[in-house]
Amino acid sequence: MTEKSSRIAGLDVVRAIAIISVVAAHSFSILNPFFSMPVIGKVLFSISVHILPFSAMGVELFFVLSGFLIGRILIRDFTGADNFSFTHVRHFWARRWFRTLPNYWLILTANILLGSYLGTQAIVPFQVNYYFFLQNLVHALPIYFFSESWSLSVEEWFYLTLPVALLAAYKLAGAKDKSRFLIRVFVVYLLTFTVIRFVNAFQPINGIDQDNGIRKVVLFRLDALMYGVVFAWLSCFRAEMLLRYRKPLLALCLAGTAVVYYLMAKRSLQITSSPVPWIRFASDAFLFTIQPMVLSLCLPYASSIRTLKRNALQRSAGFISRISYSMYLIHFSLIFLPFFYHRPVSTPVMTIVYYAMYWGIVILGSWLIYRFYELPIMRLRDRLR
């Protein structure tokens, strides 16, 4: 089956929404010169104040989508094996790492070299940690370098730990009923890291910096992907029920997302720390449970949409989806910060040119990386399996 025929249009749309939300939020400050204009300035300023939650929720969408797709692969591998073993886990890791590590290491190295060349970031020993996803394992990520890598670290540790947990549970307890065994392991994994975050809320080990100290720390976020895994389990073992309730679940997702946005943007339940103790505790303990839980409710509906009625929309969503990983890697630290963030105030016309140029560079650069680097590696991976 070719990549084109195996793609699910609804999931491509979800991934496209996620990456556009993140890139748009991170690059919105390019439009600052418009803020001084009487009417449009007020509109843009209002958007700039409230756009941060969309960036945060875009990353959460990536988490639940990754959990859904990876969960289906693990479930397929586990149920298809007579005796699940480390060989299956190793095979899973090899395929995942072929998919994620080459791009990540390429852009990480480019960031190090570019920062050194421009004189904005010296090469320091700590950067070695980034190659092994140790930069934000327990403590806050250093915000001065490749800050968007925090979510990739969360995903990589998820890919590493969930198969190990599954294998360990299987070796210790066996699996007479594979369906029940899987959901029990998944729920225990989810609850373990939810409880860890809840306990941390009483006395945060990284202080009151909720954004860098909780949201972007691997130890406190591994449960986020598990909501997608739970829906992967439902899609495999309760497919008819999921199909029947996909529209009500989508409605709950949209309503819940609106409520979460309102709480974050209007009622101080923010990704940044609040000075009010009970609000800070509620955010620390529950916000990062509510977000992925609510957003994962869109997955049954999205996964049921195999094709879109408008071919142009399907092609666009598919294109953005395919290059989304490269877009995420290059859009901020490699392109926005060194070339578009620090620049003199310009005229409105030049601002539009700058903004269009930024998106053009991000999309073109991502496509080139996908076409001439990522895709050949994927083809090599498929030949070696």
Protein backbone atom coordinates (compact mmCIF):
# COMPACT_ATOMS: atom_id res chain seq x y z
CA MET A 1 0.00 0.00 0.00
CA THR A 2 1.40 3.39 -0.95
CA GLU A 3 1.73 6.32 1.43
CA LYS A 4 -0.97 8.21 -0.45
CA SER A 5 -3.54 5.42 -0.32
CA SER A 6 -2.85 4.63 3.34
CA ARG A 7 -3.35 8.19 4.60
CA ILE A 8 -6.48 9.09 6.55
CA ALA A 9 -7.72 12.51 5.48
CA GLY A 10 -9.31 13.37 8.82
CA LEU A 11 -6.09 12.75 10.73
CA ASP A 12 -4.19 14.80 8.14
CA VAL A 13 -6.56 17.69 8.88
CA VAL A 14 -5.94 17.33 12.64
CA ARG A 15 -2.17 17.37 12.12
CA ALA A 16 -2.41 20.36 9.76
CA ILE A 17 -4.50 22.30 12.29
CA ALA A 18 -1.98 21.49 15.00
CA ILE A 19 1.10 22.67 13.11
CA ILE A 20 -0.58 25.80 11.70
CA SER A 21 -1.72 26.75 15.22
CA VAL A 22 1.81 26.42 16.59
CA VAL A 23 3.59 28.23 13.76
CA ALA A 24 1.00 31.03 13.60
CA ALA A 25 1.25 31.66 17.35
CA HIS A 26 5.05 31.63 17.36
CA SER A 27 5.34 34.02 14.42
CA PHE A 28 2.51 36.42 15.19
CA SER A 29 4.84 39.10 16.53
CA ILE A 30 6.03 39.75 12.97
CA LEU A 31 2.77 41.69 12.60
CA ASN A 32 3.65 44.11 15.43
CA PRO A 33 3.90 47.19 13.14
CA PHE A 34 0.15 46.86 12.47
CA PHE A 35 -0.59 47.26 16.19
CA SER A 36 -0.25 51.05 15.96
CA MET A 37 -3.08 51.30 13.40
CA PRO A 38 -6.44 52.53 14.84
CA VAL A 39 -8.83 49.64 14.13
CA ILE A 40 -6.82 46.69 12.87
CA GLY A 41 -4.23 47.31 15.59
CA LYS A 42 -6.79 46.72 18.33
CA VAL A 43 -7.95 43.52 16.63
CA LEU A 44 -4.43 42.18 16.18
CA PHE A 45 -3.44 43.12 19.71
CA SER A 46 -6.45 41.26 21.07
CA ILE A 47 -5.51 38.23 18.98
CA SER A 48 -1.90 38.39 20.16
CA VAL A 49 -3.02 38.38 23.79
CA HIS A 50 -5.24 35.32 23.31
CA ILE A 51 -3.27 33.31 20.76
CA LEU A 52 -0.95 31.57 23.23
CA PRO A 53 -3.55 28.97 24.31
CA PHE A 54 -3.95 27.94 20.65
CA SER A 55 -0.22 27.24 20.42
CA ALA A 56 -0.38 25.18 23.60
CA MET A 57 -3.40 23.23 22.38
CA GLY A 58 -1.73 22.67 19.02
CA VAL A 59 1.07 20.79 20.79
CA GLU A 60 -1.51 18.82 22.80
CA LEU A 61 -3.16 17.85 19.51
CA PHE A 62 0.19 16.49 18.33
CA PHE A 63 0.47 14.48 21.54
CA VAL A 64 -2.91 12.78 21.32
CA LEU A 65 -2.54 12.17 17.58
CA SER A 66 0.88 10.57 18.09
CA GLY A 67 -0.55 8.45 20.89
CA PHE A 68 -3.40 7.31 18.65
CA LEU A 69 -1.15 6.32 15.74
CA ILE A 70 1.58 4.77 17.87
CA GLY A 71 -0.99 3.01 20.02
CA ARG A 72 -2.48 1.29 16.97
CA ILE A 73 0.97 0.10 15.91
CA LEU A 74 1.76 -1.31 19.36
CA ILE A 75 -1.65 -2.96 19.63
CA ARG A 76 -1.21 -4.54 16.21
CA ASP A 77 2.29 -5.78 17.09
CA PHE A 78 1.16 -7.16 20.45
CA THR A 79 -2.02 -8.90 19.29
CA GLY A 80 -0.30 -10.29 16.19
CA ALA A 81 2.50 -11.95 18.13
CA ASP A 82 2.21 -15.42 19.63
CA ASN A 83 4.84 -14.45 22.19
CA PHE A 84 5.49 -10.74 22.56
CA SER A 85 9.23 -10.26 23.12
CA PHE A 86 12.04 -7.74 23.13
CA THR A 87 12.47 -8.42 19.40
CA HIS A 88 9.09 -6.79 18.78
CA VAL A 89 10.02 -3.83 20.99
CA ARG A 90 13.36 -3.44 19.24
CA HIS A 91 11.66 -3.53 15.85
CA PHE A 92 9.19 -0.87 17.01
CA TRP A 93 12.02 1.36 18.25
CA ALA A 94 13.99 0.96 15.04
CA ARG A 95 11.05 2.08 12.91
CA ARG A 96 10.24 5.00 15.24
CA TRP A 97 13.83 6.18 15.41
CA PHE A 98 14.23 5.99 11.64
CA ARG A 99 11.20 8.28 11.47
CA THR A 100 12.14 10.83 14.13
CA LEU A 101 15.87 10.92 14.87
CA PRO A 102 17.47 11.82 11.49
CA ASN A 103 15.38 15.00 11.09
CA TYR A 104 15.77 15.95 14.73
CA TRP A 105 19.54 15.46 14.78
CA LEU A 106 19.90 17.36 11.50
CA ILE A 107 18.01 20.42 12.73
CA LEU A 108 19.58 20.26 16.20
CA THR A 109 23.05 20.31 14.64
CA ALA A 110 22.01 23.13 12.30
CA ASN A 111 20.82 25.15 15.31
CA ILE A 112 24.13 24.65 17.11
CA LEU A 113 26.19 25.63 14.08
CA LEU A 114 23.97 28.58 13.13
CA GLY A 115 23.99 29.98 16.67
CA SER A 116 27.75 29.71 16.78
CA TYR A 117 28.14 31.32 13.33
CA LEU A 118 25.81 34.23 14.15
CA GLY A 119 27.32 34.65 17.60
CA THR A 120 23.93 34.30 19.29
CA GLN A 121 24.68 30.99 21.04
CA ALA A 122 28.04 29.55 22.02
CA ILE A 123 28.62 25.81 21.70
CA VAL A 124 28.38 24.45 25.25
CA PRO A 125 28.65 20.90 26.68
CA PHE A 126 25.01 20.90 27.81
CA GLN A 127 23.88 20.79 24.19
CA VAL A 128 25.00 17.15 24.05
CA ASN A 129 21.97 16.38 26.23
CA TYR A 130 19.69 17.39 23.38
CA TYR A 131 20.98 14.52 21.22
CA PHE A 132 19.71 12.04 23.84
CA PHE A 133 16.54 13.95 24.83
CA LEU A 134 17.84 14.63 28.33
CA GLN A 135 17.39 18.41 28.20
CA ASN A 136 14.02 18.42 30.01
CA LEU A 137 13.66 14.95 31.51
CA VAL A 138 12.97 16.16 35.06
CA HIS A 139 13.93 19.82 35.18
CA ALA A 140 12.93 22.86 33.16
CA LEU A 141 14.25 23.20 29.64
CA PRO A 142 16.89 25.91 29.10
CA ILE A 143 14.82 28.48 27.24
CA TYR A 144 17.75 30.00 25.41
CA PHE A 145 18.29 27.15 22.94
CA PHE A 146 16.02 25.05 20.66
CA SER A 147 13.11 25.56 23.04
CA GLU A 148 10.54 23.79 20.84
CA SER A 149 12.43 20.51 21.29
CA TRP A 150 10.70 19.96 24.65
CA SER A 151 7.68 18.25 23.07
CA LEU A 152 9.87 16.01 20.91
CA SER A 153 11.63 14.87 24.06
CA VAL A 154 8.27 13.98 25.62
CA GLU A 155 7.33 11.93 22.57
CA GLU A 156 10.64 10.09 22.36
CA TRP A 157 10.52 9.06 26.02
CA PHE A 158 6.96 7.91 25.47
CA TYR A 159 8.10 5.76 22.53
CA LEU A 160 10.83 4.35 24.75
CA THR A 161 8.89 3.67 27.95
CA LEU A 162 5.46 2.45 26.86
CA PRO A 163 6.74 -0.64 24.96
CA VAL A 164 9.01 -1.46 27.92
CA ALA A 165 6.06 -1.20 30.32
CA LEU A 166 4.00 -3.40 28.02
CA LEU A 167 6.75 -6.02 27.73
CA ALA A 168 7.46 -6.03 31.48
CA ALA A 169 3.78 -6.46 32.35
CA TYR A 170 3.47 -9.26 29.80
CA LYS A 171 6.49 -11.13 31.16
CA LEU A 172 5.31 -10.73 34.76
CA ALA A 173 1.60 -11.42 34.40
CA GLY A 174 0.98 -12.94 30.98
CA ALA A 175 -2.03 -12.06 28.85
CA LYS A 176 -4.86 -14.59 28.59
CA ASP A 177 -7.17 -11.91 27.26
CA LYS A 178 -5.03 -9.53 25.20
CA SER A 179 -7.70 -6.86 24.92
CA ARG A 180 -8.19 -6.57 28.70
CA PHE A 181 -4.48 -6.88 29.34
CA LEU A 182 -3.69 -3.98 27.00
CA ILE A 183 -6.24 -1.58 28.42
CA ARG A 184 -5.10 -2.35 31.98
CA VAL A 185 -1.48 -1.60 31.11
CA PHE A 186 -2.49 1.58 29.30
CA VAL A 187 -4.64 2.84 32.18
CA VAL A 188 -1.94 2.09 34.77
CA TYR A 189 0.65 3.94 32.65
CA LEU A 190 -1.69 6.92 32.25
CA LEU A 191 -2.59 7.08 35.94
CA THR A 192 1.03 6.72 37.05
CA PHE A 193 2.18 9.91 35.36
CA THR A 194 -1.06 11.75 36.17
CA VAL A 195 -0.48 11.02 39.87
CA ILE A 196 3.16 12.11 39.60
CA ARG A 197 2.03 15.49 38.25
CA PHE A 198 -0.68 15.76 40.93
CA VAL A 199 1.82 15.07 43.72
CA ASN A 200 4.24 17.58 42.24
CA ALA A 201 1.51 20.25 42.40
CA PHE A 202 1.73 20.28 46.20
CA GLN A 203 5.39 21.29 46.10
CA PRO A 204 6.58 21.84 42.49
CA ILE A 205 10.16 20.67 42.13
CA ASN A 206 10.79 23.33 39.47
CA GLY A 207 9.19 26.19 41.37
CA ILE A 208 6.21 28.22 40.19
CA ASP A 209 7.26 28.37 36.53
CA GLN A 210 4.41 26.24 35.28
CA ASP A 211 5.17 26.55 31.58
CA ASN A 212 8.80 25.42 31.66
CA GLY A 213 8.61 23.62 34.99
CA ILE A 214 5.59 21.38 34.34
CA ARG A 215 4.18 21.69 30.82
CA LYS A 216 7.57 21.18 29.20
CA VAL A 217 8.98 18.50 31.51
CA VAL A 218 8.95 14.88 30.31
CA LEU A 219 8.18 13.37 33.73
CA PHE A 220 4.96 15.37 34.02
CA ARG A 221 3.65 14.96 30.45
CA LEU A 222 3.94 11.31 29.41
CA ASP A 223 0.28 10.73 30.25
CA ALA A 224 -0.79 13.22 27.54
CA LEU A 225 -0.13 10.77 24.70
CA MET A 226 -1.97 7.99 26.50
CA TYR A 227 -5.36 9.53 25.79
CA GLY A 228 -4.68 8.92 22.12
CA VAL A 229 -3.57 5.37 22.94
CA VAL A 230 -6.84 4.70 24.78
CA PHE A 231 -8.78 5.75 21.70
CA ALA A 232 -6.50 3.54 19.61
CA TRP A 233 -7.52 0.62 21.84
CA LEU A 234 -11.19 1.55 21.41
CA SER A 235 -10.76 1.76 17.63
CA CYS A 236 -9.32 -1.77 17.60
CA PHE A 237 -11.63 -3.50 20.10
CA ARG A 238 -14.76 -1.30 20.23
CA ALA A 239 -14.83 0.02 16.70
CA GLU A 240 -18.60 -0.12 16.19
CA MET A 241 -19.29 1.76 19.43
CA LEU A 242 -16.69 4.39 18.57
CA LEU A 243 -18.17 4.87 15.11
CA ARG A 244 -21.65 5.23 16.58
CA TYR A 245 -20.64 7.95 19.03
CA ARG A 246 -18.06 9.77 16.93
CA LYS A 247 -20.26 12.84 16.32
CA PRO A 248 -21.29 13.35 19.98
CA LEU A 249 -17.63 12.93 20.96
CA LEU A 250 -16.62 15.56 18.40
CA ALA A 251 -19.25 17.92 19.81
CA LEU A 252 -17.88 17.34 23.31
CA CYS A 253 -14.36 18.00 21.99
CA LEU A 254 -15.37 21.35 20.49
CA ALA A 255 -17.35 22.39 23.56
CA GLY A 256 -14.61 21.25 25.91
CA THR A 257 -11.93 23.03 23.89
CA ALA A 258 -13.95 26.25 24.09
CA VAL A 259 -14.26 25.87 27.87
CA VAL A 260 -10.55 25.13 28.30
CA TYR A 261 -9.67 28.12 26.16
CA TYR A 262 -11.99 30.33 28.21
CA LEU A 263 -10.44 29.13 31.46
CA MET A 264 -6.93 29.67 30.15
CA ALA A 265 -7.47 33.02 28.45
CA LYS A 266 -10.16 34.62 30.61
CA ARG A 267 -10.02 33.05 34.05
CA SER A 268 -6.29 32.81 34.77
CA LEU A 269 -6.09 29.02 34.45
CA GLN A 270 -3.06 29.63 32.29
CA ILE A 271 0.03 27.81 31.12
CA THR A 272 1.96 30.48 33.00
CA SER A 273 1.91 30.52 36.79
CA SER A 274 -0.84 32.39 38.66
CA PRO A 275 -0.15 34.32 41.89
CA VAL A 276 -3.33 32.84 43.40
CA PRO A 277 -2.34 29.60 45.24
CA TRP A 278 -5.50 27.57 44.56
CA ILE A 279 -5.56 28.55 40.88
CA ARG A 280 -1.89 27.65 40.57
CA PHE A 281 -2.54 24.25 42.19
CA ALA A 282 -5.54 23.59 39.92
CA SER A 283 -3.45 24.48 36.86
CA ASP A 284 -0.48 22.39 38.00
CA ALA A 285 -2.59 19.34 38.83
CA PHE A 286 -5.45 19.34 36.34
CA LEU A 287 -4.87 21.62 33.33
CA PHE A 288 -2.56 19.19 31.55
CA THR A 289 -4.99 16.37 32.22
CA ILE A 290 -7.99 18.24 30.86
CA GLN A 291 -6.34 19.50 27.66
CA PRO A 292 -5.29 16.16 26.07
CA MET A 293 -8.39 14.42 27.42
CA VAL A 294 -10.68 16.94 25.70
CA LEU A 295 -8.71 17.14 22.45
CA SER A 296 -8.50 13.35 22.10
CA LEU A 297 -12.31 13.26 21.73
CA CYS A 298 -11.94 14.42 18.11
CA LEU A 299 -9.95 11.33 17.10
CA PRO A 300 -12.86 8.92 16.46
CA TYR A 301 -14.51 11.35 14.07
CA ALA A 302 -11.25 12.36 12.39
CA SER A 303 -10.12 8.75 11.90
CA SER A 304 -13.48 7.88 10.29
CA ILE A 305 -12.93 10.41 7.48
CA ARG A 306 -10.92 8.53 4.88
CA THR A 307 -11.32 11.11 2.13
CA LEU A 308 -12.56 14.69 1.85
CA LYS A 309 -15.19 15.84 -0.62
CA ARG A 310 -12.98 18.64 -1.91
CA ASN A 311 -9.81 17.27 -3.45
CA ALA A 312 -7.98 20.59 -3.07
CA LEU A 313 -8.59 20.56 0.67
CA GLN A 314 -7.48 16.95 0.95
CA ARG A 315 -4.30 17.63 -1.04
CA SER A 316 -3.52 20.72 1.04
CA ALA A 317 -4.11 18.94 4.36
CA GLY A 318 -2.08 15.96 3.17
CA PHE A 319 0.80 18.19 2.06
CA ILE A 320 0.93 20.14 5.33
CA SER A 321 0.60 16.90 7.29
CA ARG A 322 3.54 15.29 5.49
CA ILE A 323 5.86 18.24 6.08
CA SER A 324 4.54 19.03 9.58
CA TYR A 325 7.44 17.40 11.41
CA SER A 326 9.98 19.43 9.48
CA MET A 327 7.86 22.56 9.93
CA TYR A 328 7.85 22.08 13.67
CA LEU A 329 11.61 21.57 13.76
CA ILE A 330 12.64 24.58 11.69
CA HIS A 331 9.94 27.23 12.15
CA PHE A 332 11.09 28.83 15.40
CA SER A 333 14.70 28.51 16.53
CA LEU A 334 16.14 27.99 13.05
CA ILE A 335 14.12 30.58 11.09
CA PHE A 336 12.00 32.90 13.24
CA LEU A 337 14.41 33.83 16.05
CA PRO A 338 17.60 34.51 14.03
CA PHE A 339 16.01 36.11 10.96
CA PHE A 340 12.57 37.55 11.79
CA TYR A 341 12.38 38.28 15.52
CA HIS A 342 15.05 40.97 15.86
CA ARG A 343 14.44 43.38 13.01
CA PRO A 344 13.74 47.11 12.70
CA VAL A 345 10.13 48.32 12.77
CA SER A 346 8.86 48.43 9.21
CA THR A 347 5.93 49.79 7.20
CA PRO A 348 2.66 47.83 6.97
CA VAL A 349 3.42 46.83 3.38
CA MET A 350 6.84 45.48 4.28
CA THR A 351 5.34 43.75 7.30
CA ILE A 352 3.02 41.80 5.01
CA VAL A 353 5.99 40.96 2.80
CA TYR A 354 8.00 39.80 5.84
CA TYR A 355 5.14 37.66 7.09
CA ALA A 356 4.50 36.08 3.70
CA MET A 357 8.23 35.54 3.29
CA TYR A 358 8.41 33.82 6.67
CA TRP A 359 5.64 31.34 5.82
CA GLY A 360 7.10 30.77 2.38
CA ILE A 361 10.54 29.96 3.78
CA VAL A 362 9.08 27.65 6.43
CA ILE A 363 6.93 25.72 3.95
CA LEU A 364 9.56 25.56 1.20
CA GLY A 365 12.32 24.60 3.63
CA SER A 366 10.13 21.92 5.20
CA TRP A 367 9.22 20.50 1.81
CA LEU A 368 12.86 20.35 0.73
CA ILE A 369 13.83 18.52 3.92
CA TYR A 370 10.90 16.15 3.52
CA ARG A 371 11.50 15.49 -0.18
CA PHE A 372 15.27 15.10 -0.21
CA TYR A 373 16.10 13.91 3.31
CA GLU A 374 13.12 12.57 5.26
CA LEU A 375 11.46 10.63 2.43
CA PRO A 376 14.63 8.82 1.29
CA ILE A 377 15.25 7.74 4.90
CA MET A 378 11.69 6.42 5.14
CA ARG A 379 12.19 4.44 1.94
CA LEU A 380 15.43 3.02 3.34
CA ARG A 381 13.60 2.04 6.53
CA ASP A 382 10.92 0.22 4.53
CA ARG A 383 13.54 -1.67 2.53
CA LEU A 384 15.33 -2.82 5.69
CA ARG A 385 12.30 -4.16 7.50
